[in-house]
Amino acid sequence: MSAESDGRFDYVAFADELAGMIEGYPLLGPEYTLAVISLGVAKEAGERHGNAMLVAAWSARWYVEFEFTAAGDFDYLIEGAERAEQVLRASGCTVPGEHRHPPLVDIEPEDAGAIAAVIGDAEAWAASEPGYEMLSPAEIDAWTCPGFLADLAAELAKDLRGARRRRFEVPATEHLDARFLVDGRLQAGALLTDLGQQESRSIDPTAQAASIWACRRLLGNPPVEERTPLALAVCFMLDASRWGSPAPGVLLLYREALRSFDLSALDQPCSHPDGHPGVDVKDTLEHIGDQEAGVDPHGARCPRRTAELVRETFTDITRHLDPYDEELDD
């Protein structure tokens, strides 16, 4: 997906890429395709290219929800959609009452890309698909009507605002103080019980709430003896729920909490010259339970081993939030 030799945007290649991206088989990095879409919506509202990218953004809005990992990316596209609605609304419907606007329903990805291509460059699309008329002239008029596109932009902004809330607003957990604290001290047994609910690929809300509470407790300067079990609880939850794709807002909290953990043990030798065989993050709940019993047969809570696990988990979170950060590969 690039500009052609004469400087024109290659809408035909874009249509293919958009369809592949939404179906899970992108040829290019989705971040590049989404950046092209966002820029077009934000910078060229009401213009031909901006209108084409608006259709593309609307068709990809549910994919956007799970691909964007930074709140600022949502904000940029939301602001672009709101500006597009304002510009298009000012233009109004081209022929009020004389044509029917397309229904605001989900359409197939390949159709969305083709429609965007027709809006952007009808001649190029026709040349690439001889004998296949994606839209009739009347349908093109309806899809490119400013009144219709204003409604499209409004729905895009509304849906993205909802997606942003779902992805970045972290649930409150103050009510769990009564469950996890007695006389202001951590009750690891109750925490382990709730974390143990995370057993399937989908995220268990009880377990996630417990991990969020552990993060906030860790960030609140808890007693020294609580820091290791709290950090291990966060590491366990991330490992146990990775197939459920935790929301970016939760991941950001996990990362902030682990960033507060003291990693100075990494610079010190430990009493396990052969490492920590048999110690797996999936067994973390057992290891925290061992701490309650005052035993540690496998060195699971060795300060160096704990610091290594925290560092690895922190890096995994950062890689997920920003998979294109080259510093992570150093």
Foldseek 3Di string as FASTA:
>chain_A
DQADPVRHGDLVVLLVQLLCVQVVHHPDPVVVNLVLLLCLLQPPQLDLLNLLSLLSCLLCLVVCLQPALDLVSLVSSLNSLVVSLVVLVVVAFPDPPPADADDPDHDRSSLSSLLSSCSNPVVSSCVVPPPDDSDDPRNNSRSSTSNNSSVSSVVSSVSSVVSSCVQAPDDDQPVCCVVQDDPRDGDLVSLLVQLVVLDDQAQDPSNLSSLLVLLVCLVVPHPPVSNLLSLLSLLLNCVSHVSNPHGSNSLVSNLVSLVSDDLPCLVPDFPCPPPQPPADSPCSSVQVVVVVVVDHVRCNVVSNNSSVSSVVSSLVSVCSSPVPPVVSVD
